[in-house]
Amino acid sequence: MMILKTLLSAGALLWLLQPGMAQTTIVSNGADLYTFANSDHDYLKSRDERYSTVGGSPYLDDEFQEGSLYFNKTRYTGVSLRYNAYEGYFEFETEEGIKYFDPQVTKIDTVWLDGDVFRYVYFQHGRTGKQTYMKVLHNGAASAYWYDEVIMTEPEESTGYAPAKPASFQKLAGAVYIQVEGKPALELKGKKSLDEVFPDHLAELNSYVKTEKLKLKNTEDVVRLCQYYESLL
């Protein structure tokens, strides 16, 4: 976890140093952002009713923490946030209560929260493309992300051997995704998936993994691989 935190902090620095963001960032108070939020109170109410019978938590962290986000060429600070990984959006706390940013309406592409940087990523999910927030491990021509996925399990009826189980939120094992510029992010599933994830320089990449004895389940080694790939471009 310490390695992951360090890498995410490095990713945040790289992201902030990008020329485009450096030229357009304007720091503003978080309260100014709420005008843009799409918060359907009826939806939140019905959602909370659905959640009331579900075990576990849909959040990476149940507690709200102060963070910041980048929207419409502006960096908004002092926003009380938490990430609903099941729904795929950030909720924020105001004097009026809890609201949320619908990423389909309020296109927030970067969020800073508790030392992590989240980016709204287009990725390949089976045969379809989806978008969700992922933690930045490395930002570059080959960006690396950490995907925390939360699902809802189906309820189970009681049997003669076991009691009934309610539906429950379940956090899956995290996955690493690589996004090469101009393409959707693809899951890195080890050495055998290199030819799917990277469009070229496969011989050099395979040789580098072997020579450096990289373990592609280790996020630090994944970042090294991405940096090596970028050096070949």
Protein backbone atom coordinates (compact mmCIF):
# COMPACT_ATOMS: atom_id res chain seq x y z
CA MET A 1 0.00 0.00 0.00
CA MET A 2 2.91 2.37 0.79
CA ILE A 3 4.34 1.75 -2.70
CA LEU A 4 0.95 2.44 -4.26
CA LYS A 5 0.57 5.70 -2.30
CA THR A 6 4.03 6.85 -3.41
CA LEU A 7 3.35 6.08 -7.04
CA LEU A 8 0.02 7.83 -6.96
CA SER A 9 1.64 10.94 -5.51
CA ALA A 10 4.21 10.84 -8.31
CA GLY A 11 1.38 10.49 -10.81
CA ALA A 12 -0.31 13.54 -9.32
CA LEU A 13 2.87 15.59 -9.78
CA LEU A 14 3.24 14.51 -13.40
CA TRP A 15 -0.40 15.32 -14.08
CA LEU A 16 -0.10 18.78 -12.54
CA LEU A 17 3.03 19.53 -14.56
CA GLN A 18 1.37 18.93 -17.91
CA PRO A 19 1.63 22.09 -20.03
CA GLY A 20 -2.10 22.25 -20.87
CA MET A 21 -3.20 22.14 -17.25
CA ALA A 22 -0.48 24.52 -16.08
CA GLN A 23 -1.71 27.15 -18.53
CA THR A 24 -5.41 26.90 -17.75
CA THR A 25 -5.71 26.03 -14.06
CA ILE A 26 -7.54 28.60 -11.92
CA VAL A 27 -7.95 27.71 -8.25
CA SER A 28 -11.47 28.46 -7.03
CA ASN A 29 -13.53 27.77 -3.94
CA GLY A 30 -15.48 24.51 -4.09
CA ALA A 31 -18.79 26.24 -3.38
CA ASP A 32 -18.57 27.90 -6.79
CA LEU A 33 -18.74 24.48 -8.43
CA TYR A 34 -22.09 23.37 -7.02
CA THR A 35 -23.98 25.30 -9.69
CA PHE A 36 -22.73 22.75 -12.24
CA ALA A 37 -23.65 19.67 -10.23
CA ASN A 38 -26.43 17.42 -11.44
CA SER A 39 -27.96 16.10 -8.24
CA ASP A 40 -31.28 14.35 -8.63
CA HIS A 41 -32.67 14.27 -5.08
CA ASP A 42 -35.36 11.75 -6.02
CA TYR A 43 -32.68 9.46 -7.39
CA LEU A 44 -30.60 9.76 -4.24
CA LYS A 45 -33.64 9.03 -2.09
CA SER A 46 -34.57 5.90 -4.06
CA ARG A 47 -30.93 4.85 -4.10
CA ASP A 48 -30.67 5.11 -0.34
CA GLU A 49 -33.81 2.99 -0.04
CA ARG A 50 -32.21 0.33 -2.25
CA TYR A 51 -29.00 0.46 -0.25
CA SER A 52 -30.84 -0.03 3.03
CA THR A 53 -31.21 -3.77 2.38
CA VAL A 54 -27.69 -4.27 1.01
CA GLY A 55 -24.73 -5.24 3.15
CA GLY A 56 -21.23 -3.82 2.86
CA SER A 57 -20.31 -0.45 1.40
CA PRO A 58 -20.25 0.95 -2.15
CA TYR A 59 -17.55 3.48 -1.16
CA LEU A 60 -13.79 3.23 -1.21
CA ASP A 61 -13.99 5.16 2.06
CA ASP A 62 -17.30 5.87 3.81
CA GLU A 63 -16.00 9.13 5.29
CA PHE A 64 -16.00 12.42 3.40
CA GLN A 65 -12.58 14.02 3.00
CA GLU A 66 -11.49 17.37 1.68
CA GLY A 67 -10.31 17.16 -1.91
CA SER A 68 -10.20 19.08 -5.15
CA LEU A 69 -11.19 18.52 -8.75
CA TYR A 70 -10.61 19.84 -12.25
CA PHE A 71 -13.59 20.92 -14.31
CA ASN A 72 -14.08 23.34 -17.20
CA LYS A 73 -10.44 24.53 -17.07
CA THR A 74 -10.70 25.31 -13.37
CA ARG A 75 -9.22 23.61 -10.30
CA TYR A 76 -11.79 23.66 -7.48
CA THR A 77 -10.48 23.20 -3.95
CA GLY A 78 -12.03 22.68 -0.54
CA VAL A 79 -14.63 20.16 -1.74
CA SER A 80 -15.81 17.52 0.75
CA LEU A 81 -15.78 14.30 -1.30
CA ARG A 82 -16.08 10.53 -1.23
CA TYR A 83 -16.05 8.08 -4.13
CA ASN A 84 -18.96 5.71 -4.77
CA ALA A 85 -17.09 2.97 -6.64
CA TYR A 86 -20.26 0.97 -7.32
CA GLU A 87 -22.08 3.87 -8.99
CA GLY A 88 -18.93 5.38 -10.51
CA TYR A 89 -19.30 8.97 -9.29
CA PHE A 90 -18.10 11.31 -6.56
CA GLU A 91 -20.49 12.49 -3.88
CA PHE A 92 -20.01 15.78 -2.08
CA GLU A 93 -21.27 17.15 1.20
CA THR A 94 -22.90 20.58 1.52
CA GLU A 95 -25.00 22.40 4.11
CA GLU A 96 -28.04 21.22 2.15
CA GLY A 97 -27.01 17.57 2.41
CA ILE A 98 -25.27 15.03 0.21
CA LYS A 99 -25.21 15.58 -3.56
CA TYR A 100 -23.30 13.98 -6.40
CA PHE A 101 -21.54 14.82 -9.65
CA ASP A 102 -22.98 12.89 -12.57
CA PRO A 103 -19.93 12.34 -14.83
CA GLN A 104 -22.19 12.22 -17.88
CA VAL A 105 -23.30 15.80 -17.18
CA THR A 106 -20.56 17.41 -15.10
CA LYS A 107 -17.48 16.17 -16.92
CA ILE A 108 -14.92 16.19 -14.13
CA ASP A 109 -11.84 14.50 -15.57
CA THR A 110 -9.46 14.68 -12.59
CA VAL A 111 -10.01 14.45 -8.83
CA TRP A 112 -7.45 14.75 -6.00
CA LEU A 113 -8.47 13.00 -2.80
CA ASP A 114 -6.49 11.73 0.22
CA GLY A 115 -3.18 11.64 -1.67
CA ASP A 116 -4.70 9.83 -4.65
CA VAL A 117 -5.40 11.18 -8.13
CA PHE A 118 -8.46 9.87 -9.99
CA ARG A 119 -8.97 10.28 -13.71
CA TYR A 120 -12.11 9.58 -15.76
CA VAL A 121 -10.92 6.81 -18.08
CA TYR A 122 -12.42 5.21 -21.17
CA PHE A 123 -11.63 1.49 -21.00
CA GLN A 124 -12.45 -1.79 -22.68
CA HIS A 125 -14.80 -3.95 -20.63
CA GLY A 126 -15.38 -7.26 -22.40
CA ARG A 127 -16.64 -6.39 -25.87
CA THR A 128 -17.90 -2.95 -24.89
CA GLY A 129 -16.33 0.36 -23.96
CA LYS A 130 -17.08 1.99 -20.60
CA GLN A 131 -15.91 4.98 -18.59
CA THR A 132 -15.16 5.19 -14.91
CA TYR A 133 -12.74 6.77 -12.46
CA MET A 134 -9.40 5.07 -11.88
CA LYS A 135 -6.41 5.99 -9.73
CA VAL A 136 -3.41 7.31 -11.65
CA LEU A 137 -0.22 5.30 -11.29
CA HIS A 138 1.61 6.92 -14.21
CA ASN A 139 0.63 9.63 -16.66
CA GLY A 140 2.22 9.68 -20.11
CA ALA A 141 2.08 8.26 -23.63
CA ALA A 142 1.33 4.95 -21.90
CA SER A 143 -0.67 5.82 -18.79
CA ALA A 144 -1.14 3.28 -16.00
CA TYR A 145 -4.21 3.16 -13.76
CA TRP A 146 -5.46 1.21 -10.76
CA TYR A 147 -9.10 0.15 -11.00
CA ASP A 148 -11.06 -0.56 -7.81
CA GLU A 149 -14.32 -2.22 -8.81
CA VAL A 150 -17.26 -2.74 -6.44
CA ILE A 151 -20.13 -5.02 -7.44
CA MET A 152 -23.43 -5.95 -5.81
CA THR A 153 -23.96 -9.65 -5.16
CA GLU A 154 -27.40 -11.22 -5.53
CA PRO A 155 -29.33 -12.18 -2.38
CA GLU A 156 -29.45 -15.88 -1.55
CA GLU A 157 -32.45 -17.70 -0.15
CA SER A 158 -32.08 -19.90 2.91
CA THR A 159 -31.51 -23.60 2.45
CA GLY A 160 -31.46 -26.51 4.82
CA TYR A 161 -27.72 -25.97 5.22
CA ALA A 162 -27.33 -22.19 5.32
CA PRO A 163 -29.33 -19.10 6.33
CA ALA A 164 -30.50 -16.52 3.80
CA LYS A 165 -27.98 -13.91 2.69
CA PRO A 166 -28.93 -10.37 1.69
CA ALA A 167 -27.46 -8.64 -1.35
CA SER A 168 -24.05 -7.19 -0.54
CA PHE A 169 -21.49 -4.79 -1.97
CA GLN A 170 -18.26 -6.58 -2.69
CA LYS A 171 -14.93 -4.99 -3.59
CA LEU A 172 -13.10 -7.05 -6.20
CA ALA A 173 -9.35 -7.47 -6.39
CA GLY A 174 -7.86 -4.35 -7.97
CA ALA A 175 -6.70 -4.43 -11.58
CA VAL A 176 -4.07 -2.49 -13.54
CA TYR A 177 -5.08 -0.83 -16.81
CA ILE A 178 -2.79 0.66 -19.45
CA GLN A 179 -3.95 3.34 -21.87
CA VAL A 180 -1.85 4.10 -24.92
CA GLU A 181 -2.65 7.49 -26.45
CA GLY A 182 -5.68 7.41 -28.71
CA LYS A 183 -6.94 4.02 -27.52
CA PRO A 184 -9.14 2.73 -24.69
CA ALA A 185 -7.40 1.49 -21.56
CA LEU A 186 -6.86 -2.28 -21.49
CA GLU A 187 -6.34 -4.52 -18.48
CA LEU A 188 -2.77 -5.72 -18.01
CA LYS A 189 -3.10 -9.40 -17.14
CA GLY A 190 0.58 -10.27 -16.99
CA LYS A 191 3.24 -10.96 -19.61
CA LYS A 192 0.87 -12.81 -21.91
CA SER A 193 -1.26 -9.68 -22.38
CA LEU A 194 1.56 -7.38 -23.54
CA ASP A 195 0.65 -7.90 -27.20
CA GLU A 196 -2.92 -6.80 -26.45
CA VAL A 197 -2.00 -3.77 -24.36
CA PHE A 198 0.91 -2.29 -26.32
CA PRO A 199 0.57 -1.70 -30.08
CA ASP A 200 4.28 -1.98 -30.95
CA HIS A 201 7.82 -2.65 -29.66
CA LEU A 202 6.69 -6.01 -28.30
CA ALA A 203 10.07 -7.72 -28.73
CA GLU A 204 11.80 -4.95 -26.77
CA LEU A 205 9.14 -5.00 -24.05
CA ASN A 206 9.30 -8.76 -23.60
CA SER A 207 13.08 -8.60 -23.44
CA TYR A 208 12.92 -5.78 -20.88
CA VAL A 209 10.46 -7.68 -18.67
CA LYS A 210 12.71 -10.74 -18.78
CA THR A 211 16.03 -8.91 -18.29
CA GLU A 212 14.75 -6.69 -15.47
CA LYS A 213 12.73 -9.55 -13.93
CA LEU A 214 9.64 -7.38 -13.74
CA LYS A 215 6.61 -8.67 -11.89
CA LEU A 216 3.59 -7.13 -13.59
CA LYS A 217 1.41 -7.56 -10.51
CA ASN A 218 3.72 -5.04 -8.83
CA THR A 219 2.58 -1.48 -9.57
CA GLU A 220 6.13 -0.13 -9.36
CA ASP A 221 7.26 -2.55 -12.08
CA VAL A 222 4.26 -1.62 -14.23
CA VAL A 223 5.30 2.04 -14.07
CA ARG A 224 8.85 1.09 -15.06
CA LEU A 225 7.50 -0.82 -18.05
CA CYS A 226 5.40 2.15 -19.19
CA GLN A 227 8.38 4.48 -18.87
CA TYR A 228 10.54 2.08 -20.88
CA TYR A 229 7.89 1.88 -23.60
CA GLU A 230 7.79 5.67 -23.78
CA SER A 231 11.57 5.78 -24.19
CA LEU A 232 11.19 3.71 -27.37
CA LEU A 233 8.79 6.15 -29.04
